[in-house]
Structures are given as structure tokens and as C-alpha cells.
Amino acid sequence: MTELLDSSSRSLVFAVFSVFVVICLMLCVITGADEDDRALVRSDSRRLRSWQQGVAMGGDTTTVATVTVLVGMVATTGFDGLGVMLGSLVGVLLFLVLVIEPLRAHASLTAPDLLDARGSGGPAVRVAWGVVTLLVCFPLLVVQLVVVGNVAAAVLGQPGARTGCIVVIGVVMTALAVSGGIRGTGVVMIAKSAIALPVLVVAAGLVLHRFGGDLGRLLDAAALGSGTGEAFLRPGGYTGDGWAGAVNRVGQILGMTMATLAMPAVLMRAIATKSPRGARTVGRWMLGELVVLYGALAVVGVGAAALAGGVLREAGPSAQVFTPLLLGRALDGGGLLVAALACVLFLTALAAVVDVTLAAGITLGRDVLAASGDRRKERVDGAASRWSAALTGLAAAAVAVVCADWNLVVVSTLWLGLCGASLAPVLLYALYWPGFTARGALWCLWGATVVTVVALAVSPYASGVPGAIWPDHDFRLWDVTIPGLVTTPVGFLLGWLGSVTNRRRTGGAGRPSGGASRVPSADEFRRLPRS
């Protein structure tokens, strides 16, 4: 692939990115966690206004994989890529309607607080939730670092510098997460959204202007440029045909919807909203931001197929992460627009990794390491979370170096599948089913995790086809690559089965409840004051 940027544009990208990193470090020092370790884990993001919290949560759902891999899917497969965006928006709607307000009312920092309050928690459940959350966060971090490392090396014009880029960017982002805390990373997320969203909207506007504002003409050009013709506008370009294709398509939308309900970083911020009215304000800003963002990304993806489809086909699947930059070069000849889009990719990766690293660190320190310790001391939780965030970020950078040549879609499917099949059912059951028990939570968390991993291990993602992790071996048992239609119902089934077969119901923090105590209903909990 030819160089994406000339020397002047390359200098501009790194100048803007360096200034942004310095500003973010200053903001994290000023607004983030101070020398008191408790500040790292307190819900200090309540000092953010509701609209600011909504912008930050909208940014939490937008990763660099969203802006690169998803746009690349739209550019190469058309309809199926748009289906992923639809599933994400449906998940946001369900999150705002079903989750944000009751979760805010009954949890102090992480979701296991809700499980404790609803009588389906305890140390074992807290550890299980924490471990599965780490299994969700870690692949997500690896994907972000690999993508931004590839983009950084391409922008530099030095493909061999990818490893160094991954390590340096991983260290910088880990430092931001550790120093910023919840409030500081929220400020970083708002700054990212304020820069990235206008640039993507401008890029989408330029695409529409190129085709005279005629969407029909744009779609026709995209179908022609993609090389697939009318198939670009029909399902099956990515998910395949036949029964496996149908399972993939439904599983794609269902899995994305359920995963959006339980993304750890989004849950962390939802818990920190101020009040029921504030939660509604947060929801409006979050939804409005994502509608504009996904609309812009859809136009950018279709425009890339129309204007750079031939380059994408020649470069192969690995070039999908550069799709926004290839579109910018087609529109602007490699000038200011490409530099601006490259900055968007860097800033999106920066903000996503910072927030996910913090969420993973807090989960590891608060829910895993401290679950059986002295939970009366917030300082212990804060110190453990700070060190855990640092170790998680550095470990993710090391793994990203090793996995840099893997198929990123496989890794993304893993964390999305675990989030949708394990975390989302437990969250919904805890909120809306008074009969949900600790055994049901454990069965769902561990059982759905095993089923998801096995389903992917025996799929074409793991073996038997070019692009698989082990292409020279073949231990496929089915052709389904997106098993959400199977794994998500299994998660709900295990949660229900574990609860109805549990003769001894639990209450509080996993202790047996006596005859005089009962689990209040969801309506009763909503009327209780926030703890």
C-alpha cells in the first residue's frame, strides 16, 4: 500500500496528537484522582454535569474498532456491516430504557454491588463477575492497541515500527487511566468526542457532496466500487448464505444488542449518574451522540466503497483498518482530511483504552482481589484498583504485540460474545427477577463463558480456513462464526435453571436469608434512597 500521508501531513498528525496527549495528562492531574487512593474508585464523575456524562458514555461505546473495523465492514460487505450498527443502536435504546436508572439506584461502583443488594450476590459471584469482566476487557484492549499500532506505523510510513508504537501508546494510555480515575477519564472521553464527531460528520458531508446529496447514486457507486454488485445491498456479504448465514445474521444483531447492555466501562459511568432526572438527561445526550455518529460512519463506509473500493480489494482484508484514511485520501488527495481522520483514530483509541483499562483495573482490584478481604476500607479498594489498572494496561500491550497478526474480528467476536451471553443476562435478571439467586448468577457467568469459548473454538474463526488463528489445522464442527443466537439464550437458560433449582435463596452479600426477610421488588428498590 502506498503511503497514506505526505511528510507535512504526517507532522501535523503527530503534532496534534502530542498536544492532545499533553492536555489529557494535565486534565487528568487536575480533575482526576489525587494522592488519596480512594479517589480512584469513588464515583467522582458525579461532578460532571449530566450532559457531560452522557457525552462520555456515548464515547465509551465508540472504540477505535468501531471507527475502523466496522467502517471497513460496511465498505466491503455493505448490508451486513450496517446490521452491526443497527444492533448497537438497539442495545443503547434498551440500555437507556431498562438498565441505567435502576442500576444507578442500587450500585455504588460496579455491578456486583447491585447483585449483593438484590440477594443474588456474594464473594463467589463477585469474583465470577470480575473474572468474566476481565475476559471482556482484555480482548477489547488488545484490539484497540493492535489497530492503533498498525495505523501509527502506516502513518509513519514505517511498518516495522508497529511493535514500538503499540508499546509506547499502551504505556501512555495506562498512565492516563491510573492518574485520571473515573472523573479524569470522563474529561478525556468528552474531549475525544468533541474532536472526533465533527471530523466524521464533515467527512460524511464531503461524501454526500461528491454525489450531489443523492443517496441512490451513492449506493449505486458503492455497489459498483465494492466489486460485489447488487450483493452489496443484500444480506450475506459477511455472514454468508444458507442456514449458517441466517444464524450469523441474527446472532450478529442479537449479540451486539446484548453486549451493548453490559459493556463494563459504560456500566461504570451509568452507576455514577446523579439522579433519575439526571439519568434521563444522560440517556438523551448519549443516544443523540450515537445516532449522529453511526449515521456519519455509515456514510463514510459506503463512501469508501464507492471511492476507494478498488484499493480495498487489492490490499486485502488487513487494509480494512485503514478504510477511513483511504476515503480521506480519495476525497482530499492525502491532505488535511487524512490528517484529521488519522487524529480521530488516535484519539478514539486513546480514550477507549484509558476507560477500559480503568474499568478492568477497578474490577480486578475491587471485585476479584478484594472480594474475600476487608471490604470496609475504601483505601484498600483504591490502592488495589490503581495497581490493577497499571498491570492490566501493561499486560494488554504485551499481548497485543504477540497477537498483532491475528484476525482482529476473532478477538472482537470473543469479547462481544462473552459480554452478551454472560454479563447481560445476569444484569437483567438481577434487575427484574426477584427470584434470581447466586447459583443462577454463577451458572450463567461460568457456563455461558465456557459455551461461548467452545463455540468459537470449533468455528471457522479458529481453524480450517485462511485467516483463522490456526489455518493449517481443521477442528471445525460447524460453520457459524457469530454464535450469539446460541450463546445468549444459553446464558439466560443457565441463569434461570440455576435459580429455580436452588432451594436455599440468598440475601444481602450472599448469606442465607431468614424467613422474616425477603427480596424487595424492582419497584420497591427504585423508591429506596441511593446508598
Protein backbone atom coordinates (compact mmCIF):
# COMPACT_ATOMS: atom_id res chain seq x y z
CA MET A 1 0.00 0.00 0.00
CA THR A 2 1.31 3.48 -0.84
CA GLU A 3 2.00 5.95 1.94
CA LEU A 4 -1.18 7.39 3.40
CA LEU A 5 0.33 10.75 4.36
CA ASP A 6 2.96 13.04 2.95
CA SER A 7 5.64 14.42 5.27
CA SER A 8 3.80 17.66 6.10
CA SER A 9 0.53 15.88 6.90
CA ARG A 10 2.43 13.32 8.99
CA SER A 11 4.00 16.09 11.04
CA LEU A 12 0.60 17.69 11.55
CA VAL A 13 -0.94 14.42 12.79
CA PHE A 14 1.73 13.81 15.38
CA ALA A 15 1.81 17.43 16.47
CA VAL A 16 -1.94 17.41 17.11
CA PHE A 17 -1.80 14.01 18.79
CA SER A 18 1.11 15.03 21.05
CA VAL A 19 -0.64 18.24 22.09
CA PHE A 20 -3.80 16.29 22.86
CA VAL A 21 -1.92 13.74 24.98
CA VAL A 22 -0.23 16.52 26.97
CA ILE A 23 -3.57 18.28 27.51
CA CYS A 24 -5.17 14.99 28.62
CA LEU A 25 -2.36 14.36 31.11
CA MET A 26 -2.84 17.84 32.56
CA LEU A 27 -6.61 17.36 32.77
CA CYS A 28 -6.16 14.00 34.50
CA VAL A 29 -3.81 15.53 37.06
CA ILE A 30 -6.12 18.49 37.70
CA THR A 31 -9.51 16.76 37.64
CA GLY A 32 -8.60 13.13 38.32
CA ALA A 33 -7.58 11.12 41.33
CA ASP A 34 -5.43 12.91 43.89
CA GLU A 35 -2.97 11.39 46.33
CA ASP A 36 -5.86 9.71 48.16
CA ASP A 37 -6.30 6.26 46.57
CA ARG A 38 -9.99 6.33 47.42
CA ALA A 39 -10.49 9.00 44.76
CA LEU A 40 -9.74 6.46 42.06
CA VAL A 41 -12.75 4.29 42.86
CA ARG A 42 -15.24 6.84 44.19
CA SER A 43 -17.98 7.88 41.78
CA ASP A 44 -16.39 11.30 41.43
CA SER A 45 -17.70 11.62 37.91
CA ARG A 46 -20.86 12.92 39.61
CA ARG A 47 -19.14 16.28 39.48
CA LEU A 48 -19.60 16.13 35.73
CA ARG A 49 -22.89 17.59 34.56
CA SER A 50 -25.49 15.21 33.21
CA TRP A 51 -24.98 16.23 29.59
CA GLN A 52 -21.23 15.78 30.01
CA GLN A 53 -21.79 12.34 31.48
CA GLY A 54 -23.98 11.46 28.51
CA VAL A 55 -21.30 12.53 26.04
CA ALA A 56 -18.72 10.49 27.95
CA MET A 57 -20.95 7.39 27.94
CA GLY A 58 -21.59 7.78 24.23
CA GLY A 59 -17.84 7.89 23.74
CA ASP A 60 -17.48 4.75 25.87
CA THR A 61 -19.45 2.73 23.34
CA THR A 62 -17.27 4.01 20.48
CA THR A 63 -13.91 2.28 20.18
CA VAL A 64 -11.27 2.54 17.51
CA ALA A 65 -12.53 -0.81 16.23
CA THR A 66 -15.90 0.88 15.66
CA VAL A 67 -14.30 3.57 13.53
CA THR A 68 -12.01 1.23 11.58
CA VAL A 69 -13.16 -2.40 11.53
CA LEU A 70 -16.86 -1.52 11.42
CA VAL A 71 -16.41 1.10 8.70
CA GLY A 72 -14.29 -1.44 6.81
CA MET A 73 -17.09 -3.99 7.12
CA VAL A 74 -19.58 -1.51 5.68
CA ALA A 75 -17.20 -0.68 2.83
CA THR A 76 -16.57 -4.33 1.89
CA THR A 77 -19.80 -6.12 2.82
CA GLY A 78 -22.42 -3.36 2.77
CA PHE A 79 -25.65 -4.56 4.34
CA ASP A 80 -24.09 -6.80 6.99
CA GLY A 81 -21.87 -4.01 8.30
CA LEU A 82 -24.89 -1.76 8.66
CA GLY A 83 -26.59 -4.55 10.63
CA VAL A 84 -23.89 -4.34 13.29
CA MET A 85 -24.58 -0.62 13.69
CA LEU A 86 -28.30 -1.31 13.97
CA GLY A 87 -27.71 -3.88 16.71
CA SER A 88 -25.57 -1.43 18.66
CA LEU A 89 -28.23 1.30 18.50
CA VAL A 90 -30.95 -1.11 19.61
CA GLY A 91 -28.70 -2.10 22.53
CA VAL A 92 -28.29 1.56 23.50
CA LEU A 93 -32.06 2.06 23.47
CA LEU A 94 -32.61 -1.00 25.69
CA PHE A 95 -29.82 0.15 28.00
CA LEU A 96 -31.46 3.55 28.45
CA VAL A 97 -34.93 2.07 28.98
CA LEU A 98 -34.12 -0.98 31.11
CA VAL A 99 -30.77 -0.54 32.83
CA ILE A 100 -29.41 2.92 33.53
CA GLU A 101 -31.91 4.22 36.11
CA PRO A 102 -32.38 1.08 38.28
CA LEU A 103 -28.66 0.30 38.09
CA ARG A 104 -27.82 3.80 39.29
CA ALA A 105 -30.18 3.38 42.23
CA HIS A 106 -28.70 0.16 43.66
CA ALA A 107 -24.97 0.02 42.87
CA SER A 108 -22.13 2.11 44.25
CA LEU A 109 -19.39 1.47 41.68
CA THR A 110 -19.58 -1.94 39.96
CA ALA A 111 -22.45 -4.25 39.00
CA PRO A 112 -21.78 -6.82 41.80
CA ASP A 113 -23.00 -4.14 44.24
CA LEU A 114 -26.39 -4.50 42.55
CA LEU A 115 -26.24 -8.29 42.84
CA ASP A 116 -25.47 -8.00 46.55
CA ALA A 117 -28.41 -5.65 47.06
CA ARG A 118 -30.82 -7.87 45.15
CA GLY A 119 -29.92 -11.04 47.06
CA SER A 120 -28.07 -12.78 44.24
CA GLY A 121 -24.53 -11.74 45.15
CA GLY A 122 -21.77 -12.79 47.50
CA PRO A 123 -17.99 -13.19 47.26
CA ALA A 124 -18.15 -16.06 44.77
CA VAL A 125 -20.48 -14.14 42.46
CA ARG A 126 -18.37 -11.00 42.79
CA VAL A 127 -15.24 -12.90 41.79
CA ALA A 128 -17.04 -14.61 38.88
CA TRP A 129 -18.40 -11.31 37.57
CA GLY A 130 -14.94 -9.76 37.92
CA VAL A 131 -13.19 -12.57 36.06
CA VAL A 132 -15.67 -12.53 33.17
CA THR A 133 -15.42 -8.73 33.02
CA LEU A 134 -11.66 -9.05 32.68
CA LEU A 135 -12.17 -11.61 29.91
CA VAL A 136 -14.30 -8.99 28.17
CA CYS A 137 -11.99 -6.01 28.78
CA PHE A 138 -8.70 -7.69 27.94
CA PRO A 139 -9.51 -8.70 24.32
CA LEU A 140 -11.08 -5.27 23.82
CA LEU A 141 -7.87 -3.61 24.97
CA VAL A 142 -5.77 -5.83 22.71
CA VAL A 143 -7.90 -4.97 19.67
CA GLN A 144 -7.60 -1.24 20.36
CA LEU A 145 -3.82 -1.38 20.75
CA VAL A 146 -3.27 -3.54 17.67
CA VAL A 147 -5.41 -1.28 15.49
CA VAL A 148 -3.82 1.95 16.68
CA GLY A 149 -0.35 0.38 16.41
CA ASN A 150 -1.00 -0.58 12.78
CA VAL A 151 -2.38 2.88 11.98
CA ALA A 152 0.53 4.63 13.70
CA ALA A 153 3.09 2.55 11.78
CA ALA A 154 1.28 3.21 8.49
CA VAL A 155 1.10 6.93 9.16
CA LEU A 156 4.81 6.96 9.97
CA GLY A 157 5.49 5.09 6.78
CA GLN A 158 7.48 2.53 8.80
CA PRO A 159 5.62 -0.82 9.04
CA GLY A 160 8.45 -2.24 11.15
CA ALA A 161 7.72 0.33 13.87
CA ARG A 162 4.40 -1.32 14.77
CA THR A 163 5.70 -3.06 17.89
CA GLY A 164 7.24 0.12 19.24
CA CYS A 165 4.04 2.06 18.54
CA ILE A 166 1.92 -0.50 20.41
CA VAL A 167 4.23 -0.42 23.45
CA VAL A 168 4.57 3.36 23.63
CA ILE A 169 0.87 4.04 23.13
CA GLY A 170 -0.07 1.32 25.65
CA VAL A 171 2.19 2.83 28.30
CA VAL A 172 0.86 6.36 27.72
CA MET A 173 -2.77 5.24 27.89
CA THR A 174 -2.15 3.20 31.03
CA ALA A 175 -0.60 6.23 32.71
CA LEU A 176 -3.68 8.29 31.83
CA ALA A 177 -6.02 5.65 33.27
CA VAL A 178 -4.10 5.33 36.54
CA SER A 179 -3.68 9.07 37.07
CA GLY A 180 -7.14 10.14 35.98
CA GLY A 181 -9.63 7.97 37.85
CA ILE A 182 -13.27 7.95 36.81
CA ARG A 183 -13.63 11.71 36.66
CA GLY A 184 -10.38 12.37 34.81
CA THR A 185 -11.03 9.73 32.16
CA GLY A 186 -14.50 11.19 31.70
CA VAL A 187 -12.95 14.52 30.77
CA VAL A 188 -10.68 12.73 28.27
CA MET A 189 -13.71 11.00 26.75
CA ILE A 190 -15.57 14.30 26.35
CA ALA A 191 -12.56 15.92 24.68
CA LYS A 192 -12.29 12.98 22.28
CA SER A 193 -15.97 13.21 21.33
CA ALA A 194 -15.71 16.97 20.80
CA ILE A 195 -12.98 16.41 18.21
CA ALA A 196 -13.89 13.08 16.60
CA LEU A 197 -17.60 13.65 15.99
CA PRO A 198 -17.26 16.90 13.97
CA VAL A 199 -14.46 15.43 11.82
CA LEU A 200 -16.52 12.34 10.96
CA VAL A 201 -19.59 14.47 10.21
CA VAL A 202 -17.51 16.66 7.89
CA ALA A 203 -16.14 13.55 6.13
CA ALA A 204 -19.68 12.23 5.67
CA GLY A 205 -20.79 15.63 4.37
CA LEU A 206 -17.97 15.64 1.81
CA VAL A 207 -19.00 12.18 0.62
CA LEU A 208 -22.60 13.31 0.13
CA HIS A 209 -21.41 16.48 -1.60
CA ARG A 210 -19.30 14.40 -4.01
CA PHE A 211 -22.50 12.60 -5.11
CA GLY A 212 -24.72 15.68 -5.12
CA GLY A 213 -26.59 14.63 -1.97
CA ASP A 214 -28.20 11.75 -3.89
CA LEU A 215 -28.19 8.63 -1.65
CA GLY A 216 -29.35 6.41 -4.51
CA ARG A 217 -26.43 7.50 -6.65
CA LEU A 218 -24.05 6.93 -3.70
CA LEU A 219 -25.35 3.39 -3.12
CA ASP A 220 -25.10 2.52 -6.81
CA ALA A 221 -21.50 3.74 -6.88
CA ALA A 222 -20.73 1.76 -3.70
CA ALA A 223 -22.19 -1.42 -5.18
CA LEU A 224 -20.05 -0.94 -8.27
CA GLY A 225 -16.90 0.04 -6.37
CA SER A 226 -17.14 -2.85 -3.92
CA GLY A 227 -16.95 -5.35 -6.77
CA THR A 228 -19.96 -7.27 -5.46
CA GLY A 229 -22.67 -5.50 -7.43
CA GLU A 230 -26.21 -5.84 -6.14
CA ALA A 231 -24.99 -8.24 -3.43
CA PHE A 232 -23.60 -5.17 -1.63
CA LEU A 233 -27.17 -4.12 -0.83
CA ARG A 234 -28.31 -7.57 0.32
CA PRO A 235 -27.51 -9.61 3.46
CA GLY A 236 -24.89 -12.32 3.29
CA GLY A 237 -21.77 -10.47 2.20
CA TYR A 238 -20.12 -11.06 5.56
CA THR A 239 -22.38 -13.52 7.37
CA GLY A 240 -22.66 -15.98 4.48
CA ASP A 241 -25.56 -17.86 2.91
CA GLY A 242 -27.72 -20.81 3.93
CA TRP A 243 -28.62 -21.78 7.47
CA ALA A 244 -25.22 -20.73 8.83
CA GLY A 245 -25.62 -17.30 7.27
CA ALA A 246 -29.07 -16.88 8.81
CA VAL A 247 -27.75 -17.89 12.25
CA ASN A 248 -24.84 -15.48 11.82
CA ARG A 249 -27.08 -12.56 10.85
CA VAL A 250 -29.49 -12.98 13.73
CA GLY A 251 -26.64 -13.72 16.13
CA GLN A 252 -24.82 -10.61 14.92
CA ILE A 253 -27.68 -8.26 15.77
CA LEU A 254 -28.68 -10.10 18.97
CA GLY A 255 -25.10 -10.37 20.20
CA MET A 256 -24.33 -6.71 19.53
CA THR A 257 -27.55 -5.63 21.21
CA MET A 258 -26.91 -7.64 24.37
CA ALA A 259 -23.23 -6.72 24.52
CA THR A 260 -24.08 -3.01 24.44
CA LEU A 261 -26.28 -3.53 27.52
CA ALA A 262 -23.37 -4.69 29.67
CA MET A 263 -20.16 -3.01 28.47
CA PRO A 264 -18.12 -2.62 31.69
CA ALA A 265 -16.94 0.95 31.12
CA VAL A 266 -20.48 2.10 30.26
CA LEU A 267 -21.90 0.40 33.37
CA MET A 268 -19.26 2.12 35.50
CA ARG A 269 -20.39 5.54 34.28
CA ALA A 270 -24.10 4.69 34.43
CA ILE A 271 -23.75 3.93 38.15
CA ALA A 272 -22.27 7.39 38.66
CA THR A 273 -25.23 9.36 37.28
CA LYS A 274 -26.69 11.89 39.70
CA SER A 275 -30.42 11.24 39.89
CA PRO A 276 -33.34 9.76 37.94
CA ARG A 277 -33.75 13.06 36.11
CA GLY A 278 -30.01 13.16 35.51
CA ALA A 279 -30.12 9.60 34.17
CA ARG A 280 -32.74 10.63 31.61
CA THR A 281 -30.62 13.61 30.56
CA VAL A 282 -27.59 11.33 30.25
CA GLY A 283 -29.61 8.99 28.07
CA ARG A 284 -30.76 11.70 25.69
CA TRP A 285 -27.24 13.01 25.13
CA MET A 286 -25.80 9.53 24.78
CA LEU A 287 -28.41 8.45 22.23
CA GLY A 288 -28.20 11.70 20.28
CA GLU A 289 -24.41 11.44 20.02
CA LEU A 290 -24.52 7.83 18.85
CA VAL A 291 -27.26 8.41 16.26
CA VAL A 292 -25.19 11.18 14.68
CA LEU A 293 -22.01 9.15 14.96
CA TYR A 294 -23.37 5.95 13.42
CA GLY A 295 -25.06 7.91 10.67
CA ALA A 296 -21.74 9.53 9.81
CA LEU A 297 -19.89 6.20 9.99
CA ALA A 298 -22.43 4.55 7.70
CA VAL A 299 -21.99 7.28 5.08
CA VAL A 300 -18.19 7.11 5.45
CA GLY A 301 -18.23 3.33 4.97
CA VAL A 302 -20.48 3.44 1.92
CA GLY A 303 -18.43 6.34 0.54
CA ALA A 304 -15.24 4.35 0.98
CA ALA A 305 -16.74 1.52 -1.07
CA ALA A 306 -17.69 3.97 -3.81
CA LEU A 307 -14.43 5.95 -3.92
CA ALA A 308 -11.77 3.53 -2.67
CA GLY A 309 -13.30 0.10 -3.25
CA GLY A 310 -10.66 -0.94 -5.76
CA VAL A 311 -7.81 -0.10 -3.37
CA LEU A 312 -9.50 -2.04 -0.57
CA ARG A 313 -9.90 -5.13 -2.76
CA GLU A 314 -6.29 -5.04 -3.87
CA ALA A 315 -4.93 -4.56 -0.35
CA GLY A 316 -6.98 -7.41 1.15
CA PRO A 317 -8.82 -7.79 4.48
CA SER A 318 -5.91 -6.38 6.51
CA ALA A 319 -6.49 -2.97 4.89
CA GLN A 320 -9.93 -2.60 6.45
CA VAL A 321 -8.47 -0.81 9.47
CA PHE A 322 -7.25 1.94 7.11
CA THR A 323 -10.64 2.45 5.43
CA PRO A 324 -11.31 5.96 6.85
CA LEU A 325 -7.83 7.09 5.80
CA LEU A 326 -8.24 5.66 2.30
CA LEU A 327 -11.52 7.56 1.97
CA GLY A 328 -9.83 10.75 3.13
CA ARG A 329 -7.12 10.31 0.52
CA ALA A 330 -9.75 9.76 -2.19
CA LEU A 331 -11.59 12.93 -1.15
CA ASP A 332 -8.65 15.19 -0.39
CA GLY A 333 -5.61 13.69 -2.10
CA GLY A 334 -3.83 12.89 1.16
CA GLY A 335 -4.05 16.35 2.67
CA LEU A 336 -5.74 17.89 5.67
CA LEU A 337 -8.70 15.47 5.78
CA VAL A 338 -6.46 12.41 6.02
CA ALA A 339 -4.51 14.06 8.82
CA ALA A 340 -7.75 14.89 10.65
CA LEU A 341 -9.08 11.33 10.27
CA ALA A 342 -5.77 9.89 11.48
CA CYS A 343 -6.04 12.10 14.57
CA VAL A 344 -9.58 10.81 15.12
CA LEU A 345 -8.30 7.23 15.12
CA PHE A 346 -5.54 8.05 17.59
CA LEU A 347 -7.84 9.98 19.91
CA THR A 348 -10.56 7.32 19.79
CA ALA A 349 -8.03 4.64 20.69
CA LEU A 350 -6.59 6.80 23.45
CA ALA A 351 -9.94 7.43 25.10
CA ALA A 352 -11.23 3.86 24.69
CA VAL A 353 -8.13 2.20 26.10
CA VAL A 354 -7.95 4.64 29.00
CA ASP A 355 -11.55 3.99 30.06
CA VAL A 356 -11.48 0.22 29.53
CA THR A 357 -8.16 -0.04 31.39
CA LEU A 358 -9.67 1.83 34.33
CA ALA A 359 -12.80 -0.34 34.32
CA ALA A 360 -10.70 -3.51 34.20
CA GLY A 361 -8.42 -2.25 36.99
CA ILE A 362 -11.30 -1.34 39.27
CA THR A 363 -12.94 -4.71 38.61
CA LEU A 364 -9.73 -6.62 39.31
CA GLY A 365 -8.93 -4.64 42.46
CA ARG A 366 -12.45 -4.31 43.88
CA ASP A 367 -14.28 -7.42 42.75
CA VAL A 368 -11.56 -10.06 42.36
CA LEU A 369 -8.62 -9.31 44.62
CA ALA A 370 -10.57 -7.64 47.45
CA ALA A 371 -13.67 -9.88 47.33
CA SER A 372 -12.53 -12.02 50.24
CA GLY A 373 -10.61 -9.28 52.05
CA ASP A 374 -11.56 -6.32 54.22
CA ARG A 375 -14.15 -4.54 52.12
CA ARG A 376 -14.80 -1.91 54.78
CA LYS A 377 -11.73 0.06 53.74
CA GLU A 378 -12.12 2.08 50.55
CA ARG A 379 -8.42 2.82 50.60
CA VAL A 380 -7.67 -0.87 50.09
CA ASP A 381 -10.01 -0.96 47.08
CA GLY A 382 -8.43 2.19 45.65
CA ALA A 383 -4.82 1.05 46.01
CA ALA A 384 -5.62 -2.39 44.56
CA SER A 385 -7.54 -0.84 41.67
CA ARG A 386 -4.72 1.57 40.87
CA TRP A 387 -2.09 -1.17 40.69
CA SER A 388 -4.51 -3.47 38.88
CA ALA A 389 -5.19 -0.85 36.20
CA ALA A 390 -1.45 -0.40 35.67
CA LEU A 391 -0.79 -4.13 35.40
CA THR A 392 -3.80 -4.69 33.12
CA GLY A 393 -2.76 -1.97 30.70
CA LEU A 394 0.86 -3.12 30.51
CA ALA A 395 -0.15 -6.77 30.10
CA ALA A 396 -2.58 -5.83 27.31
CA ALA A 397 0.22 -4.01 25.48
CA ALA A 398 2.48 -7.08 25.75
CA VAL A 399 -0.26 -9.42 24.48
CA ALA A 400 -1.11 -7.01 21.67
CA VAL A 401 2.47 -7.27 20.41
CA VAL A 402 2.18 -11.07 20.29
CA CYS A 403 -1.28 -11.08 18.70
CA ALA A 404 -0.67 -8.23 16.25
CA ASP A 405 -1.01 -10.54 13.21
CA TRP A 406 -4.17 -12.31 14.38
CA ASN A 407 -7.56 -11.81 12.80
CA LEU A 408 -8.99 -8.93 14.85
CA VAL A 409 -12.56 -9.97 14.04
CA VAL A 410 -11.99 -13.20 16.01
CA VAL A 411 -10.86 -11.27 19.09
CA SER A 412 -13.73 -8.79 18.77
CA THR A 413 -16.26 -11.60 18.45
CA LEU A 414 -14.88 -13.15 21.65
CA TRP A 415 -15.37 -10.12 23.86
CA LEU A 416 -18.73 -9.26 22.33
CA GLY A 417 -19.93 -12.84 22.80
CA LEU A 418 -18.82 -13.01 26.43
CA CYS A 419 -20.38 -9.66 27.23
CA GLY A 420 -23.72 -10.51 25.61
CA ALA A 421 -24.04 -14.12 26.81
CA SER A 422 -22.60 -13.90 30.35
CA LEU A 423 -22.85 -10.37 31.74
CA ALA A 424 -26.07 -9.09 30.13
CA PRO A 425 -28.36 -11.95 31.31
CA VAL A 426 -27.09 -11.67 34.90
CA LEU A 427 -27.62 -7.91 34.85
CA LEU A 428 -31.18 -8.13 33.53
CA TYR A 429 -32.14 -10.99 35.86
CA ALA A 430 -30.76 -9.10 38.88
CA LEU A 431 -32.76 -6.01 37.95
CA TYR A 432 -36.11 -7.58 37.06
CA TRP A 433 -36.43 -11.07 38.58
CA PRO A 434 -36.72 -11.22 42.38
CA GLY A 435 -36.24 -15.00 42.24
CA PHE A 436 -32.76 -14.75 40.76
CA THR A 437 -30.16 -16.32 43.06
CA ALA A 438 -26.41 -16.52 43.49
CA ARG A 439 -26.39 -20.00 41.99
CA GLY A 440 -28.17 -18.70 38.91
CA ALA A 441 -25.60 -15.93 38.58
CA LEU A 442 -22.70 -18.37 38.88
CA TRP A 443 -24.18 -20.83 36.41
CA CYS A 444 -24.80 -18.05 33.90
CA LEU A 445 -21.39 -16.40 34.30
CA TRP A 446 -19.25 -19.52 34.16
CA GLY A 447 -21.48 -21.66 31.95
CA ALA A 448 -22.10 -19.07 29.24
CA THR A 449 -18.40 -18.20 29.21
CA VAL A 450 -17.45 -21.82 28.56
CA VAL A 451 -20.14 -22.23 25.88
CA THR A 452 -19.01 -19.04 24.10
CA VAL A 453 -15.34 -20.04 24.08
CA VAL A 454 -16.15 -23.56 22.85
CA ALA A 455 -18.49 -22.23 20.14
CA LEU A 456 -15.74 -20.01 18.75
CA ALA A 457 -13.07 -22.71 19.14
CA VAL A 458 -14.97 -25.09 16.84
CA SER A 459 -15.87 -22.37 14.32
CA PRO A 460 -14.01 -21.31 11.14
CA TYR A 461 -12.51 -18.44 13.11
CA ALA A 462 -10.21 -20.87 14.93
CA SER A 463 -9.16 -23.33 12.23
CA GLY A 464 -9.54 -24.74 8.76
CA VAL A 465 -9.76 -21.61 6.60
CA PRO A 466 -7.39 -18.81 5.55
CA GLY A 467 -7.47 -16.03 8.13
CA ALA A 468 -8.19 -18.39 11.04
CA ILE A 469 -5.92 -18.49 14.07
CA TRP A 470 -4.68 -21.96 13.08
CA PRO A 471 -5.31 -22.18 9.32
CA ASP A 472 -3.21 -25.33 8.91
CA HIS A 473 -5.40 -27.36 11.26
CA ASP A 474 -9.07 -28.15 10.95
CA PHE A 475 -11.18 -28.95 14.01
CA ARG A 476 -14.35 -27.18 12.92
CA LEU A 477 -17.66 -28.64 13.99
CA TRP A 478 -19.92 -26.00 12.44
CA ASP A 479 -19.75 -23.07 10.01
CA VAL A 480 -21.26 -20.47 12.33
CA THR A 481 -18.86 -17.62 13.09
CA ILE A 482 -21.17 -15.38 15.15
CA PRO A 483 -22.79 -17.69 17.74
CA GLY A 484 -24.88 -15.05 19.55
CA LEU A 485 -28.15 -16.76 18.59
CA VAL A 486 -26.98 -19.82 20.54
CA THR A 487 -24.83 -18.46 23.36
CA THR A 488 -27.14 -15.67 24.53
CA PRO A 489 -30.22 -17.91 25.06
CA VAL A 490 -27.93 -20.45 26.78
CA GLY A 491 -26.83 -17.73 29.21
CA PHE A 492 -30.44 -16.85 30.08
CA LEU A 493 -31.34 -20.54 30.36
CA LEU A 494 -28.46 -21.28 32.75
CA GLY A 495 -29.36 -18.30 34.93
CA TRP A 496 -32.97 -19.43 35.15
CA LEU A 497 -32.11 -23.09 35.72
CA GLY A 498 -29.59 -22.34 38.44
CA SER A 499 -32.09 -20.15 40.27
CA VAL A 500 -35.13 -22.44 40.12
CA THR A 501 -33.10 -25.43 41.29
CA ASN A 502 -31.62 -23.50 44.21
CA ARG A 503 -33.62 -24.48 47.28
CA ARG A 504 -31.78 -22.07 49.58
CA ARG A 505 -32.28 -18.48 48.45
CA THR A 506 -29.58 -15.94 49.26
CA GLY A 507 -29.85 -12.41 50.58
CA GLY A 508 -27.58 -9.46 51.11
CA ALA A 509 -23.97 -10.35 50.40
CA GLY A 510 -24.59 -13.99 49.70
CA ARG A 511 -25.84 -15.01 53.19
CA PRO A 512 -28.96 -17.17 53.55
CA SER A 513 -32.00 -15.01 54.13
CA GLY A 514 -34.23 -15.78 57.05
CA GLY A 515 -37.96 -16.16 56.98
CA ALA A 516 -38.50 -12.58 58.14
CA SER A 517 -36.56 -11.04 55.26
CA ARG A 518 -37.43 -11.06 51.62
CA VAL A 519 -36.04 -9.65 48.40
CA PRO A 520 -37.88 -6.40 47.61
CA SER A 521 -39.38 -5.98 44.18
CA ALA A 522 -37.82 -3.82 41.48
CA ASP A 523 -40.42 -1.07 42.10
CA GLU A 524 -39.65 -1.04 45.81
CA PHE A 525 -35.95 -0.77 45.11
CA ARG A 526 -36.46 2.20 42.81
CA ARG A 527 -38.09 4.09 45.72
CA LEU A 528 -35.20 3.42 48.08
CA PRO A 529 -32.60 6.18 48.60
CA ARG A 530 -29.28 5.64 46.84
CA SER A 531 -26.67 4.07 49.09
